[in-house]
C-alpha atoms as a PDB file:
ATOM      1  CA  MET A   1     320.223  65.984 158.291  1.00  0.00           C
ATOM      2  CA  ARG A   2     319.587  69.382 159.984  1.00  0.00           C
ATOM      3  CA  ARG A   3     321.321  71.131 157.409  1.00  0.00           C
ATOM      4  CA  ALA A   4     319.123  68.984 154.529  1.00  0.00           C
ATOM      5  CA  CYS A   5     315.983  69.911 156.520  1.00  0.00           C
ATOM      6  CA  PHE A   6     317.421  73.537 156.190  1.00  0.00           C
ATOM      7  CA  LEU A   7     318.381  73.582 152.627  1.00  0.00           C
ATOM      8  CA  TRP A   8     314.977  72.433 151.701  1.00  0.00           C
ATOM      9  CA  THR A   9     313.654  74.890 153.876  1.00  0.00           C
ATOM     10  CA  LEU A  10     315.174  77.739 152.219  1.00  0.00           C
ATOM     11  CA  THR A  11     314.268  76.209 148.520  1.00  0.00           C
ATOM     12  CA  VAL A  12     310.591  76.273 149.445  1.00  0.00           C
ATOM     13  CA  LEU A  13     310.815  79.691 150.836  1.00  0.00           C
ATOM     14  CA  LEU A  14     312.167  81.018 147.713  1.00  0.00           C
ATOM     15  CA  LEU A  15     310.604  78.912 145.255  1.00  0.00           C
ATOM     16  CA  CYS A  16     307.114  80.535 147.072  1.00  0.00           C
ATOM     17  CA  ALA A  17     308.747  84.144 146.947  1.00  0.00           C
ATOM     18  CA  GLY A  18     308.999  83.552 143.124  1.00  0.00           C
ATOM     19  CA  LEU A  19     305.816  82.412 142.600  1.00  0.00           C
ATOM     20  CA  ALA A  20     304.644  85.369 144.487  1.00  0.00           C
ATOM     21  CA  ALA A  21     306.682  87.649 142.111  1.00  0.00           C
ATOM     22  CA  LEU A  22     304.753  86.305 139.587  1.00  0.00           C
ATOM     23  CA  PHE A  23     301.581  85.352 140.618  1.00  0.00           C
ATOM     24  CA  PRO A  24     300.393  88.699 143.293  1.00  0.00           C
ATOM     25  CA  ALA A  25     298.096  87.620 145.697  1.00  0.00           C
ATOM     26  CA  ARG A  26     294.552  88.073 145.578  1.00  0.00           C
ATOM     27  CA  ALA A  27     294.756  91.167 148.093  1.00  0.00           C
ATOM     28  CA  SER A  28     296.920  93.027 145.129  1.00  0.00           C
ATOM     29  CA  ALA A  29     294.826  92.121 141.957  1.00  0.00           C
ATOM     30  CA  ALA A  30     293.530  94.599 139.817  1.00  0.00           C
ATOM     31  CA  TYR A  31     291.192  96.909 141.527  1.00  0.00           C
ATOM     32  CA  PRO A  32     288.334  96.185 140.963  1.00  0.00           C
ATOM     33  CA  ASP A  33     287.753  92.127 140.612  1.00  0.00           C
ATOM     34  CA  ARG A  34     284.163  92.120 141.811  1.00  0.00           C
ATOM     35  CA  THR A  35     280.555  94.083 141.974  1.00  0.00           C
ATOM     36  CA  ILE A  36     280.530  97.036 143.535  1.00  0.00           C
ATOM     37  CA  THR A  37     278.012  98.337 145.141  1.00  0.00           C
ATOM     38  CA  MET A  38     276.127 102.107 145.164  1.00  0.00           C
ATOM     39  CA  ILE A  39     273.943 103.315 147.672  1.00  0.00           C
ATOM     40  CA  ILE A  40     271.326 106.324 146.653  1.00  0.00           C
ATOM     41  CA  PRO A  41     269.945 107.575 149.983  1.00  0.00           C
ATOM     42  CA  PHE A  42     266.848 108.258 148.307  1.00  0.00           C
ATOM     43  CA  GLY A  43     264.170 105.695 146.898  1.00  0.00           C
ATOM     44  CA  ALA A  44     264.030 105.143 143.000  1.00  0.00           C
ATOM     45  CA  GLY A  45     262.528 107.309 140.309  1.00  0.00           C
ATOM     46  CA  GLY A  46     263.886 110.946 141.695  1.00  0.00           C
ATOM     47  CA  ALA A  47     266.374 112.824 140.074  1.00  0.00           C
ATOM     48  CA  THR A  48     269.252 111.274 142.531  1.00  0.00           C
ATOM     49  CA  ASP A  49     268.574 107.808 141.325  1.00  0.00           C
ATOM     50  CA  VAL A  50     267.594 108.825 137.830  1.00  0.00           C
ATOM     51  CA  ILE A  51     271.864 109.851 137.208  1.00  0.00           C
ATOM     52  CA  GLY A  52     273.432 107.482 139.963  1.00  0.00           C
ATOM     53  CA  ARG A  53     271.848 104.738 137.634  1.00  0.00           C
ATOM     54  CA  TYR A  54     273.076 105.988 134.654  1.00  0.00           C
ATOM     55  CA  ILE A  55     276.577 106.453 136.803  1.00  0.00           C
ATOM     56  CA  ALA A  56     276.538 102.927 137.981  1.00  0.00           C
ATOM     57  CA  LEU A  57     275.430 102.037 134.217  1.00  0.00           C
ATOM     58  CA  HIS A  58     278.625 103.683 132.480  1.00  0.00           C
ATOM     59  CA  LEU A  59     280.926 103.952 134.819  1.00  0.00           C
ATOM     60  CA  GLY A  60     280.719  99.830 135.040  1.00  0.00           C
ATOM     61  CA  LYS A  61     281.429  99.720 131.628  1.00  0.00           C
ATOM     62  CA  LYS A  62     284.422 101.757 132.586  1.00  0.00           C
ATOM     63  CA  LEU A  63     285.583  99.372 135.054  1.00  0.00           C
ATOM     64  CA  GLY A  64     284.648  95.971 133.554  1.00  0.00           C
ATOM     65  CA  GLN A  65     282.414  95.392 136.488  1.00  0.00           C
ATOM     66  CA  THR A  66     278.529  95.257 137.327  1.00  0.00           C
ATOM     67  CA  ILE A  67     277.772  98.430 139.755  1.00  0.00           C
ATOM     68  CA  ILE A  68     274.568  97.587 141.399  1.00  0.00           C
ATOM     69  CA  VAL A  69     272.444 100.534 142.865  1.00  0.00           C
ATOM     70  CA  LYS A  70     270.928  99.952 146.204  1.00  0.00           C
ATOM     71  CA  ASN A  71     268.340 102.573 147.214  1.00  0.00           C
ATOM     72  CA  ILE A  72     268.318 103.504 150.687  1.00  0.00           C
ATOM     73  CA  ALA A  73     265.410 105.665 151.808  1.00  0.00           C
ATOM     74  CA  GLY A  74     264.567 107.292 154.853  1.00  0.00           C
ATOM     75  CA  SER A  75     265.009 110.537 157.103  1.00  0.00           C
ATOM     76  CA  GLY A  76     265.862 112.876 154.409  1.00  0.00           C
ATOM     77  CA  GLY A  77     268.840 110.758 153.162  1.00  0.00           C
ATOM     78  CA  VAL A  78     270.354 110.144 156.583  1.00  0.00           C
ATOM     79  CA  ILE A  79     269.241 106.516 156.721  1.00  0.00           C
ATOM     80  CA  GLY A  80     271.404 105.490 153.237  1.00  0.00           C
ATOM     81  CA  MET A  81     274.452 107.747 154.189  1.00  0.00           C
ATOM     82  CA  THR A  82     274.698 106.274 157.619  1.00  0.00           C
ATOM     83  CA  GLU A  83     275.275 102.876 156.158  1.00  0.00           C
ATOM     84  CA  LEU A  84     277.634 104.088 153.874  1.00  0.00           C
ATOM     85  CA  ALA A  85     279.921 105.801 156.325  1.00  0.00           C
ATOM     86  CA  GLU A  86     279.861 102.299 158.357  1.00  0.00           C
ATOM     87  CA  SER A  87     280.503 100.290 155.561  1.00  0.00           C
ATOM     88  CA  ARG A  88     284.209  98.899 154.784  1.00  0.00           C
ATOM     89  CA  PRO A  89     286.374 101.073 153.347  1.00  0.00           C
ATOM     90  CA  ASP A  90     287.900  98.496 150.608  1.00  0.00           C
ATOM     91  CA  GLY A  91     286.308 100.092 147.732  1.00  0.00           C
ATOM     92  CA  TYR A  92     283.303  98.055 146.896  1.00  0.00           C
ATOM     93  CA  THR A  93     280.239 100.313 148.674  1.00  0.00           C
ATOM     94  CA  ILE A  94     280.759 103.860 147.307  1.00  0.00           C
ATOM     95  CA  GLY A  95     277.643 106.486 147.157  1.00  0.00           C
ATOM     96  CA  PHE A  96     276.227 108.878 145.367  1.00  0.00           C
ATOM     97  CA  SER A  97     274.799 111.889 147.019  1.00  0.00           C
ATOM     98  CA  PRO A  98     273.021 115.186 146.643  1.00  0.00           C
ATOM     99  CA  VAL A  99     274.367 118.171 148.881  1.00  0.00           C
ATOM    100  CA  ALA A 100     271.301 118.057 151.317  1.00  0.00           C
ATOM    101  CA  PRO A 101     272.014 114.475 152.864  1.00  0.00           C
ATOM    102  CA  LEU A 102     276.486 115.060 152.936  1.00  0.00           C
ATOM    103  CA  ILE A 103     276.035 118.206 154.060  1.00  0.00           C
ATOM    104  CA  MET A 104     272.502 119.995 155.204  1.00  0.00           C
ATOM    105  CA  GLN A 105     271.482 117.225 157.348  1.00  0.00           C
ATOM    106  CA  PRO A 106     274.275 116.792 160.006  1.00  0.00           C
ATOM    107  CA  ASN A 107     274.674 120.621 160.155  1.00  0.00           C
ATOM    108  CA  PHE A 108     270.326 120.423 160.610  1.00  0.00           C
ATOM    109  CA  ARG A 109     270.082 118.001 163.188  1.00  0.00           C
ATOM    110  CA  LYS A 110     272.116 115.202 165.139  1.00  0.00           C
ATOM    111  CA  THR A 111     273.526 112.597 162.790  1.00  0.00           C
ATOM    112  CA  MET A 112     275.942 109.572 163.141  1.00  0.00           C
ATOM    113  CA  TYR A 113     278.385 110.685 160.672  1.00  0.00           C
ATOM    114  CA  ASN A 114     279.312 113.947 158.954  1.00  0.00           C
ATOM    115  CA  LEU A 115     281.236 115.383 155.855  1.00  0.00           C
ATOM    116  CA  SER A 116     284.673 114.316 157.624  1.00  0.00           C
ATOM    117  CA  SER A 117     282.987 110.650 157.988  1.00  0.00           C
ATOM    118  CA  PHE A 118     283.570 109.842 153.618  1.00  0.00           C
ATOM    119  CA  CYS A 119     285.994 110.389 151.565  1.00  0.00           C
ATOM    120  CA  SER A 120     285.453 111.844 147.930  1.00  0.00           C
ATOM    121  CA  ILE A 121     285.495 110.476 144.699  1.00  0.00           C
ATOM    122  CA  ALA A 122     283.911 113.034 142.240  1.00  0.00           C
ATOM    123  CA  ARG A 123     282.268 115.516 141.343  1.00  0.00           C
ATOM    124  CA  ALA A 124     279.282 114.436 138.707  1.00  0.00           C
ATOM    125  CA  THR A 125     276.939 117.512 138.879  1.00  0.00           C
ATOM    126  CA  ASN A 126     275.572 120.789 139.902  1.00  0.00           C
ATOM    127  CA  GLU A 127     272.461 121.914 139.017  1.00  0.00           C
ATOM    128  CA  PRO A 128     270.867 125.236 140.003  1.00  0.00           C
ATOM    129  CA  LEU A 129     267.426 125.776 141.543  1.00  0.00           C
ATOM    130  CA  PHE A 130     264.869 127.456 139.582  1.00  0.00           C
ATOM    131  CA  LEU A 131     262.449 129.728 141.164  1.00  0.00           C
ATOM    132  CA  GLU A 132     259.476 129.331 139.267  1.00  0.00           C
ATOM    133  CA  VAL A 133     256.022 130.956 139.082  1.00  0.00           C
ATOM    134  CA  SER A 134     252.806 129.721 137.238  1.00  0.00           C
ATOM    135  CA  ALA A 135     252.637 129.995 133.839  1.00  0.00           C
ATOM    136  CA  GLN A 136     249.458 132.815 134.291  1.00  0.00           C
ATOM    137  CA  SER A 137     251.363 135.076 136.910  1.00  0.00           C
ATOM    138  CA  SER A 138     252.131 138.403 136.652  1.00  0.00           C
ATOM    139  CA  ILE A 139     255.446 138.352 138.219  1.00  0.00           C
ATOM    140  CA  ARG A 140     258.357 137.682 135.407  1.00  0.00           C
ATOM    141  CA  ASN A 141     261.319 138.915 137.496  1.00  0.00           C
ATOM    142  CA  MET A 142     262.760 138.801 141.050  1.00  0.00           C
ATOM    143  CA  LYS A 143     261.731 142.457 141.678  1.00  0.00           C
ATOM    144  CA  ASP A 144     258.527 141.847 140.463  1.00  0.00           C
ATOM    145  CA  LEU A 145     258.082 139.221 142.584  1.00  0.00           C
ATOM    146  CA  GLN A 146     259.299 141.334 145.813  1.00  0.00           C
ATOM    147  CA  GLU A 147     256.533 143.653 144.697  1.00  0.00           C
ATOM    148  CA  ALA A 148     253.810 141.234 145.146  1.00  0.00           C
ATOM    149  CA  VAL A 149     255.366 139.651 148.288  1.00  0.00           C
ATOM    150  CA  ALA A 150     255.206 143.272 149.695  1.00  0.00           C
ATOM    151  CA  ARG A 151     251.739 144.313 148.426  1.00  0.00           C
ATOM    152  CA  ALA A 152     250.596 141.545 150.639  1.00  0.00           C
ATOM    153  CA  PRO A 153     252.455 138.914 152.452  1.00  0.00           C
ATOM    154  CA  GLU A 154     249.419 137.454 154.205  1.00  0.00           C
ATOM    155  CA  LYS A 155     247.945 136.388 150.824  1.00  0.00           C
ATOM    156  CA  PHE A 156     251.468 135.303 149.201  1.00  0.00           C
ATOM    157  CA  PHE A 157     251.783 131.235 149.712  1.00  0.00           C
ATOM    158  CA  TRP A 158     255.328 129.745 148.702  1.00  0.00           C
ATOM    159  CA  GLY A 159     256.001 125.751 148.922  1.00  0.00           C
ATOM    160  CA  HIS A 160     258.398 123.774 150.045  1.00  0.00           C
ATOM    161  CA  LEU A 161     259.513 120.058 151.437  1.00  0.00           C
ATOM    162  CA  GLY A 162     259.882 120.597 154.966  1.00  0.00           C
ATOM    163  CA  MET A 163     262.056 122.516 157.486  1.00  0.00           C
ATOM    164  CA  GLY A 164     265.706 122.485 156.847  1.00  0.00           C
ATOM    165  CA  SER A 165     265.081 121.241 152.895  1.00  0.00           C
ATOM    166  CA  GLN A 166     267.272 123.054 150.517  1.00  0.00           C
ATOM    167  CA  ILE A 167     264.304 124.209 148.876  1.00  0.00           C
ATOM    168  CA  HIS A 168     262.903 125.637 152.599  1.00  0.00           C
ATOM    169  CA  LEU A 169     266.747 127.087 153.030  1.00  0.00           C
ATOM    170  CA  SER A 170     266.716 128.996 149.453  1.00  0.00           C
ATOM    171  CA  MET A 171     263.509 130.736 149.539  1.00  0.00           C
ATOM    172  CA  ALA A 172     263.694 130.834 153.573  1.00  0.00           C
ATOM    173  CA  HIS A 173     266.683 133.005 152.867  1.00  0.00           C
ATOM    174  CA  MET A 174     265.432 134.869 149.909  1.00  0.00           C
ATOM    175  CA  PHE A 175     262.717 136.615 151.974  1.00  0.00           C
ATOM    176  CA  LYS A 176     264.969 137.042 154.447  1.00  0.00           C
ATOM    177  CA  MET A 177     267.141 139.368 152.150  1.00  0.00           C
ATOM    178  CA  MET A 178     263.791 141.123 150.801  1.00  0.00           C
ATOM    179  CA  GLY A 179     262.523 141.501 154.559  1.00  0.00           C
ATOM    180  CA  VAL A 180     259.305 139.896 154.453  1.00  0.00           C
ATOM    181  CA  ASN A 181     257.636 136.999 155.731  1.00  0.00           C
ATOM    182  CA  PRO A 182     254.513 135.277 153.603  1.00  0.00           C
ATOM    183  CA  ARG A 183     253.143 131.888 154.290  1.00  0.00           C
ATOM    184  CA  ALA A 184     254.440 128.486 153.908  1.00  0.00           C
ATOM    185  CA  ILE A 185     252.955 125.530 152.551  1.00  0.00           C
ATOM    186  CA  VAL A 186     255.136 122.149 153.190  1.00  0.00           C
ATOM    187  CA  PHE A 187     254.118 119.604 150.371  1.00  0.00           C
ATOM    188  CA  LYS A 188     255.299 115.752 150.303  1.00  0.00           C
ATOM    189  CA  ASP A 189     257.299 115.781 147.166  1.00  0.00           C
ATOM    190  CA  ASP A 190     257.834 118.085 144.183  1.00  0.00           C
ATOM    191  CA  ALA A 191     255.112 116.702 141.806  1.00  0.00           C
ATOM    192  CA  GLU A 192     252.148 117.881 144.530  1.00  0.00           C
ATOM    193  CA  ALA A 193     254.167 120.994 144.911  1.00  0.00           C
ATOM    194  CA  MET A 194     254.230 121.757 141.112  1.00  0.00           C
ATOM    195  CA  ALA A 195     250.117 120.657 141.116  1.00  0.00           C
ATOM    196  CA  ALA A 196     249.949 123.550 143.824  1.00  0.00           C
ATOM    197  CA  LEU A 197     251.722 125.839 141.661  1.00  0.00           C
ATOM    198  CA  ILE A 198     249.857 125.202 138.642  1.00  0.00           C
ATOM    199  CA  SER A 199     246.210 125.538 140.203  1.00  0.00           C
ATOM    200  CA  GLY A 200     247.330 128.794 141.940  1.00  0.00           C
ATOM    201  CA  ARG A 201     247.048 127.587 145.964  1.00  0.00           C
ATOM    202  CA  ILE A 202     251.001 128.742 146.015  1.00  0.00           C
ATOM    203  CA  MET A 203     252.462 131.580 143.982  1.00  0.00           C
ATOM    204  CA  LEU A 204     255.810 130.250 144.154  1.00  0.00           C
ATOM    205  CA  TYR A 205     258.483 127.079 144.505  1.00  0.00           C
ATOM    206  CA  ASP A 206     261.825 126.179 143.397  1.00  0.00           C
ATOM    207  CA  SER A 207     263.544 123.047 141.792  1.00  0.00           C
ATOM    208  CA  LEU A 208     265.620 121.880 139.491  1.00  0.00           C
ATOM    209  CA  PRO A 209     265.743 122.882 136.067  1.00  0.00           C
ATOM    210  CA  SER A 210     263.876 119.897 134.612  1.00  0.00           C
ATOM    211  CA  LEU A 211     260.740 120.754 136.469  1.00  0.00           C
ATOM    212  CA  PRO A 212     259.727 124.197 134.602  1.00  0.00           C
ATOM    213  CA  ALA A 213     259.603 122.021 131.250  1.00  0.00           C
ATOM    214  CA  ARG A 214     257.921 119.110 132.724  1.00  0.00           C
ATOM    215  CA  TYR A 215     255.123 120.877 133.836  1.00  0.00           C
ATOM    216  CA  GLY A 216     254.701 124.269 132.200  1.00  0.00           C
ATOM    217  CA  VAL A 217     256.150 126.557 134.559  1.00  0.00           C
ATOM    218  CA  ARG A 218     257.889 129.816 133.821  1.00  0.00           C
ATOM    219  CA  ALA A 219     261.429 129.962 135.436  1.00  0.00           C
ATOM    220  CA  ILE A 220     262.487 133.743 136.762  1.00  0.00           C
ATOM    221  CA  ALA A 221     266.213 133.203 138.199  1.00  0.00           C
ATOM    222  CA  ALA A 222     268.474 130.607 138.656  1.00  0.00           C
ATOM    223  CA  LEU A 223     270.136 130.412 141.499  1.00  0.00           C
ATOM    224  CA  SER A 224     273.950 129.850 140.469  1.00  0.00           C
ATOM    225  CA  GLU A 225     276.593 132.681 139.902  1.00  0.00           C
ATOM    226  CA  GLU A 226     276.247 131.691 136.037  1.00  0.00           C
ATOM    227  CA  ARG A 227     273.415 131.227 133.846  1.00  0.00           C
ATOM    228  CA  TYR A 228     272.614 127.199 133.198  1.00  0.00           C
ATOM    229  CA  PRO A 229     272.931 125.912 129.744  1.00  0.00           C
ATOM    230  CA  GLN A 230     269.939 123.898 129.598  1.00  0.00           C
ATOM    231  CA  LEU A 231     267.771 126.679 131.167  1.00  0.00           C
ATOM    232  CA  ASP A 232     268.913 129.864 130.185  1.00  0.00           C
ATOM    233  CA  VAL A 233     267.077 132.596 132.374  1.00  0.00           C
ATOM    234  CA  PRO A 234     269.330 135.280 134.790  1.00  0.00           C
ATOM    235  CA  THR A 235     270.449 134.281 137.507  1.00  0.00           C
ATOM    236  CA  ALA A 236     269.452 135.865 141.075  1.00  0.00           C
ATOM    237  CA  ARG A 237     272.554 137.539 141.133  1.00  0.00           C
ATOM    238  CA  GLU A 238     271.749 139.613 138.162  1.00  0.00           C
ATOM    239  CA  GLN A 239     268.836 140.717 139.307  1.00  0.00           C
ATOM    240  CA  GLY A 240     270.245 142.120 142.824  1.00  0.00           C
ATOM    241  CA  PHE A 241     270.295 139.136 145.296  1.00  0.00           C
ATOM    242  CA  ASP A 242     273.400 137.008 146.071  1.00  0.00           C
ATOM    243  CA  LEU A 243     272.029 133.568 146.422  1.00  0.00           C
ATOM    244  CA  ARG A 244     273.933 130.491 145.349  1.00  0.00           C
ATOM    245  CA  TYR A 245     271.775 127.129 146.069  1.00  0.00           C
ATOM    246  CA  THR A 246     272.925 124.173 143.391  1.00  0.00           C
ATOM    247  CA  GLN A 247     271.672 120.938 143.385  1.00  0.00           C
ATOM    248  CA  TRP A 248     275.437 119.162 143.122  1.00  0.00           C
ATOM    249  CA  MET A 249     276.062 114.814 143.271  1.00  0.00           C
ATOM    250  CA  SER A 250     278.942 113.659 144.037  1.00  0.00           C
ATOM    251  CA  LEU A 251     280.558 110.127 144.252  1.00  0.00           C
ATOM    252  CA  VAL A 252     282.053 109.560 147.659  1.00  0.00           C
ATOM    253  CA  GLY A 253     283.021 106.555 149.324  1.00  0.00           C
ATOM    254  CA  PRO A 254     283.574 105.579 153.257  1.00  0.00           C
ATOM    255  CA  LYS A 255     286.432 107.282 155.305  1.00  0.00           C
ATOM    256  CA  GLY A 256     289.565 104.641 155.061  1.00  0.00           C
ATOM    257  CA  MET A 257     289.713 104.027 151.220  1.00  0.00           C
ATOM    258  CA  PRO A 258     292.999 103.533 149.286  1.00  0.00           C
ATOM    259  CA  GLN A 259     294.098 106.038 147.622  1.00  0.00           C
ATOM    260  CA  ASP A 260     294.925 103.838 144.921  1.00  0.00           C
ATOM    261  CA  ARG A 261     291.054 102.611 144.419  1.00  0.00           C
ATOM    262  CA  ILE A 262     290.021 106.251 144.449  1.00  0.00           C
ATOM    263  CA  ALA A 263     292.157 106.971 141.655  1.00  0.00           C
ATOM    264  CA  VAL A 264     290.776 104.403 139.651  1.00  0.00           C
ATOM    265  CA  LEU A 265     287.343 105.407 140.317  1.00  0.00           C
ATOM    266  CA  GLU A 266     288.283 108.933 139.410  1.00  0.00           C
ATOM    267  CA  ARG A 267     290.226 108.593 136.299  1.00  0.00           C
ATOM    268  CA  ALA A 268     287.288 105.782 135.392  1.00  0.00           C
ATOM    269  CA  PHE A 269     284.752 108.366 136.212  1.00  0.00           C
ATOM    270  CA  ALA A 270     286.290 111.017 134.174  1.00  0.00           C
ATOM    271  CA  GLU A 271     286.270 109.100 130.782  1.00  0.00           C
ATOM    272  CA  VAL A 272     282.623 108.803 131.402  1.00  0.00           C
ATOM    273  CA  CYS A 273     282.031 112.467 132.120  1.00  0.00           C
ATOM    274  CA  ARG A 274     283.452 113.168 127.947  1.00  0.00           C
ATOM    275  CA  ASP A 275     281.121 109.856 126.865  1.00  0.00           C
ATOM    276  CA  PRO A 276     278.563 111.376 124.337  1.00  0.00           C
ATOM    277  CA  GLU A 277     276.114 108.655 125.369  1.00  0.00           C
ATOM    278  CA  TYR A 278     276.462 109.384 129.043  1.00  0.00           C
ATOM    279  CA  ILE A 279     276.093 112.993 128.118  1.00  0.00           C
ATOM    280  CA  ARG A 280     272.856 112.262 125.924  1.00  0.00           C
ATOM    281  CA  ASP A 281     271.601 110.132 128.427  1.00  0.00           C
ATOM    282  CA  ILE A 282     271.620 112.841 131.358  1.00  0.00           C
ATOM    283  CA  ALA A 283     270.500 115.462 129.305  1.00  0.00           C
ATOM    284  CA  THR A 284     266.937 113.498 129.328  1.00  0.00           C
ATOM    285  CA  VAL A 285     266.662 114.610 132.927  1.00  0.00           C
ATOM    286  CA  TYR A 286     268.023 118.499 131.974  1.00  0.00           C
ATOM    287  CA  SER A 287     271.269 117.701 133.734  1.00  0.00           C
ATOM    288  CA  VAL A 288     274.871 118.241 132.402  1.00  0.00           C
ATOM    289  CA  SER A 289     278.072 117.265 133.579  1.00  0.00           C
ATOM    290  CA  ALA A 290     280.094 119.189 136.115  1.00  0.00           C
ATOM    291  CA  TYR A 291     283.187 116.914 136.729  1.00  0.00           C
ATOM    292  CA  LEU A 292     285.604 117.650 139.565  1.00  0.00           C
ATOM    293  CA  ASP A 293     288.446 115.090 140.273  1.00  0.00           C
ATOM    294  CA  SER A 294     288.619 113.692 143.958  1.00  0.00           C
ATOM    295  CA  LYS A 295     291.123 116.313 145.848  1.00  0.00           C
ATOM    296  CA  ALA A 296     288.477 119.106 143.986  1.00  0.00           C
ATOM    297  CA  ASN A 297     286.024 118.524 144.967  1.00  0.00           C
ATOM    298  CA  GLN A 298     286.440 117.631 148.455  1.00  0.00           C
ATOM    299  CA  ALA A 299     287.572 121.204 148.790  1.00  0.00           C
ATOM    300  CA  PHE A 300     284.267 122.309 146.742  1.00  0.00           C
ATOM    301  CA  MET A 301     282.468 120.062 149.140  1.00  0.00           C
ATOM    302  CA  GLU A 302     284.078 121.882 152.354  1.00  0.00           C
ATOM    303  CA  GLU A 303     283.587 125.238 150.988  1.00  0.00           C
ATOM    304  CA  GLU A 304     280.106 124.591 150.291  1.00  0.00           C
ATOM    305  CA  GLU A 305     279.775 122.954 154.056  1.00  0.00           C
ATOM    306  CA  ALA A 306     281.190 126.593 155.233  1.00  0.00           C
ATOM    307  CA  TYR A 307     278.452 128.433 153.136  1.00  0.00           C
ATOM    308  CA  TYR A 308     275.605 125.903 154.093  1.00  0.00           C
ATOM    309  CA  ARG A 309     276.589 125.937 157.989  1.00  0.00           C
ATOM    310  CA  LYS A 310     276.250 130.028 157.998  1.00  0.00           C
ATOM    311  CA  ALA A 311     273.179 130.198 155.808  1.00  0.00           C
ATOM    312  CA  MET A 312     271.092 127.280 158.212  1.00  0.00           C
ATOM    313  CA  SER A 313     272.591 129.396 161.092  1.00  0.00           C
ATOM    314  CA  GLU A 314     271.535 132.859 159.970  1.00  0.00           C
ATOM    315  CA  VAL A 315     267.993 131.765 158.300  1.00  0.00           C
ATOM    316  CA  LEU A 316     266.246 128.384 159.998  1.00  0.00           C
ATOM    317  CA  LYS A 317     267.631 129.531 163.577  1.00  0.00           C
ATOM    318  CA  ALA A 318     265.743 133.102 163.157  1.00  0.00           C
ATOM    319  CA  GLN A 319     262.181 130.949 162.097  1.00  0.00           C
END
């Protein structure tokens, strides 16, 4: 009787093992097999949201699954990135973030996360900030700008979006190089600052490349290593100022995501970045693809963190 039970149990176990080989468990099913959520740490309608939604649409098509965008605005992107860092690292919650929430905020104030709280999936874009003056301004390059500020710094006003923002840091860094200290006005968003620039309330602002064309202001320098194809103006470096401030955006996930799932997203997004339809979509907001794979993007973000940490320490803490 015992022998019969043993043989019966052994037969069942062997049968189960065979079935398992033929039909893998759901845990090892092809990823992704359900909807993915993409956290964007800003509200709807901004540049990060628009590009992120194009990515969600095209990446979802490549993966054969829906990617739902979840906007979590507040505290300069910190609230959304905190939720992402605390999400289950199973590949079904990912994020799309620009440089400020991911790197600048943790170096400016105490947050519940830092760069090591996330895993790199891929870089999507890398757009320089552009120094801008009104179309009526006599300032046409950075030499003109330096001379104008030096003549009357107390009458020269520039705009930014708050202490510690990328716009604030980039121009404060530039003025430190010039050895001048003009007066700043804080605005709530780009639209308000652009209105002030056009009206003459401020003389200088900087932004992404979509704004000069949209508002009819003049870009005098790109804060990048090379000229930007969508808005071909001289770089700050060409004009004697070693400034590099670009608004890059990356796909990231919470720390601990399985490497094989990162690889699936990485490969699919590489295909997206070669898709002419996606390229046309992001061109509508003056963006171009700047794809880096997971490993290269991780190295890039670590280099950027070191750059921003040094700049913030030297510029912001001196103010």
